[in-house]
Amino acid sequence: MFAVTVRDHIMIAHSFRGEVFGPARALHGATFVVDATFRRGELDADNIVVDIGLATEQLHDALADLTYTNLDEHPEFAGVNTTTEFLAQVIARRLAERVRDGRLGPHAGGLAGITVTLHESHVASASYELTLA
């Protein structure tokens, strides 16, 4: 399996509901380094996985309405604990939509999957792997 990874970041604020979250139930900020990895079994006719420039642009676009926001006030996340794991899934699905509608260009047509990893710090991260049909 071949893979290409592009990177961006988001700065958000949010809070959590539930005893399991302890002090994180209070409003707090987080800066996530976001890696999006695009996978395919075989390289395309140009010997690439995906256009890295387009992948970088589309990752940035997929993050645009999240960064510098309080996710507690984001309409898409009303009543949802926006955990790192959950956000990885949201971003992966947003990227998959961009693959399907052609925004990652013709090279993305043969992609087998996308993995999004959010790095909370240098010692903790969470990922979501999405298989593309």
Protein backbone atom coordinates (compact mmCIF):
# COMPACT_ATOMS: atom_id res chain seq x y z
CA MET A 1 0.00 0.00 0.00
CA PHE A 2 1.31 3.44 -0.96
CA ALA A 3 0.58 6.50 1.16
CA VAL A 4 0.98 10.28 1.05
CA THR A 5 0.48 12.42 4.16
CA VAL A 6 -0.20 16.15 4.30
CA ARG A 7 -0.35 18.26 7.46
CA ASP A 8 -2.14 21.32 8.84
CA HIS A 9 -3.37 22.42 12.26
CA ILE A 10 -6.43 23.78 14.04
CA MET A 11 -6.88 25.82 17.19
CA ILE A 12 -10.23 25.27 18.89
CA ALA A 13 -12.06 25.71 22.17
CA HIS A 14 -14.54 23.20 23.57
CA SER A 15 -15.81 21.51 26.69
CA PHE A 16 -17.07 18.02 27.49
CA ARG A 17 -20.02 16.50 29.27
CA GLY A 18 -19.55 13.47 31.51
CA GLU A 19 -17.64 12.56 34.63
CA VAL A 20 -15.02 10.66 32.62
CA PHE A 21 -13.63 13.98 31.35
CA GLY A 22 -12.78 15.40 34.78
CA PRO A 23 -11.40 18.93 34.52
CA ALA A 24 -11.81 18.93 30.71
CA ARG A 25 -15.54 19.43 31.31
CA ALA A 26 -14.69 23.12 31.65
CA LEU A 27 -14.17 25.22 28.54
CA HIS A 28 -10.57 24.83 27.38
CA GLY A 29 -8.47 25.34 24.28
CA ALA A 30 -6.62 22.84 22.14
CA THR A 31 -4.24 23.04 19.23
CA PHE A 32 -4.19 19.94 17.06
CA VAL A 33 -1.64 19.06 14.41
CA VAL A 34 -3.72 17.31 11.75
CA ASP A 35 -2.25 14.67 9.44
CA ALA A 36 -4.27 13.32 6.52
CA THR A 37 -2.88 10.17 4.93
CA PHE A 38 -4.19 9.07 1.54
CA ARG A 39 -3.67 5.39 0.59
CA ARG A 40 -3.85 3.35 -2.58
CA GLY A 41 -2.70 -0.11 -3.61
CA GLU A 42 -1.07 0.92 -6.87
CA LEU A 43 0.37 4.18 -8.11
CA ASP A 44 -1.55 5.87 -10.89
CA ALA A 45 -0.28 6.38 -14.45
CA ASP A 46 1.84 9.33 -13.26
CA ASN A 47 3.29 7.26 -10.38
CA ILE A 48 1.59 9.26 -7.64
CA VAL A 49 -0.93 8.52 -4.90
CA VAL A 50 -2.68 11.90 -4.97
CA ASP A 51 -1.83 15.45 -5.99
CA ILE A 52 -0.04 16.70 -2.84
CA GLY A 53 -0.88 20.33 -3.59
CA LEU A 54 -4.60 19.61 -3.92
CA ALA A 55 -4.54 17.35 -0.86
CA THR A 56 -2.95 20.14 1.17
CA GLU A 57 -5.48 22.71 -0.08
CA GLN A 58 -8.44 20.43 0.60
CA LEU A 59 -7.27 19.53 4.10
CA HIS A 60 -6.96 23.24 4.88
CA ASP A 61 -10.44 23.84 3.44
CA ALA A 62 -11.91 20.95 5.46
CA LEU A 63 -10.54 22.55 8.64
CA ALA A 64 -11.45 26.16 7.85
CA ASP A 65 -14.75 26.36 9.75
CA LEU A 66 -13.26 24.63 12.83
CA THR A 67 -10.16 26.67 13.53
CA TYR A 68 -10.40 29.58 15.97
CA THR A 69 -13.91 28.54 17.00
CA ASN A 70 -15.64 27.28 20.10
CA LEU A 71 -16.92 23.90 18.97
CA ASP A 72 -19.58 24.04 21.69
CA GLU A 73 -21.21 26.77 19.58
CA HIS A 74 -20.70 25.07 16.19
CA PRO A 75 -24.13 24.03 14.78
CA GLU A 76 -22.79 20.72 13.43
CA PHE A 77 -21.74 19.61 16.92
CA ALA A 78 -24.72 20.61 19.06
CA GLY A 79 -24.87 18.29 22.08
CA VAL A 80 -21.81 16.29 20.95
CA ASN A 81 -18.60 15.65 22.87
CA THR A 82 -16.04 16.80 20.30
CA THR A 83 -13.30 14.42 21.41
CA THR A 84 -10.10 14.06 19.44
CA GLU A 85 -11.33 10.72 18.08
CA PHE A 86 -14.65 12.23 16.99
CA LEU A 87 -12.95 15.16 15.25
CA ALA A 88 -10.63 12.79 13.36
CA GLN A 89 -13.72 11.04 11.98
CA VAL A 90 -15.38 14.33 11.01
CA ILE A 91 -12.31 15.49 9.12
CA ALA A 92 -11.84 12.12 7.37
CA ARG A 93 -15.45 12.19 6.18
CA ARG A 94 -15.05 15.75 4.94
CA LEU A 95 -11.98 14.71 2.94
CA ALA A 96 -13.78 11.65 1.54
CA GLU A 97 -16.56 13.93 0.30
CA ARG A 98 -13.94 16.04 -1.46
CA VAL A 99 -12.47 12.93 -3.10
CA ARG A 100 -15.92 11.84 -4.32
CA ASP A 101 -16.83 15.23 -5.78
CA GLY A 102 -13.50 15.61 -7.61
CA ARG A 103 -11.90 18.40 -5.54
CA LEU A 104 -8.73 16.30 -5.09
CA GLY A 105 -8.43 15.89 -8.86
CA PRO A 106 -8.35 12.85 -11.13
CA HIS A 107 -5.41 11.27 -9.29
CA ALA A 108 -7.66 10.71 -6.25
CA GLY A 109 -9.97 8.37 -8.15
CA GLY A 110 -8.03 5.26 -7.19
CA LEU A 111 -7.65 6.00 -3.49
CA ALA A 112 -8.37 3.07 -1.19
CA GLY A 113 -8.62 5.02 2.04
CA ILE A 114 -7.91 8.03 4.19
CA THR A 115 -6.54 8.14 7.72
CA VAL A 116 -6.78 11.34 9.73
CA THR A 117 -4.64 11.69 12.85
CA LEU A 118 -5.01 14.54 15.32
CA HIS A 119 -1.97 15.07 17.51
CA GLU A 120 -3.00 16.56 20.85
CA SER A 121 0.59 16.85 21.99
CA HIS A 122 3.96 15.23 21.40
CA VAL A 123 2.80 12.21 23.43
CA ALA A 124 -0.88 11.70 22.46
CA SER A 125 -2.86 11.40 19.25
CA ALA A 126 -6.03 9.82 17.90
CA SER A 127 -6.83 8.56 14.40
CA TYR A 128 -9.75 7.53 12.24
CA GLU A 129 -9.34 5.28 9.19
CA LEU A 130 -11.89 5.49 6.41
CA THR A 131 -12.08 3.00 3.55
CA LEU A 132 -13.13 4.47 0.22
CA ALA A 133 -15.37 2.37 -1.98
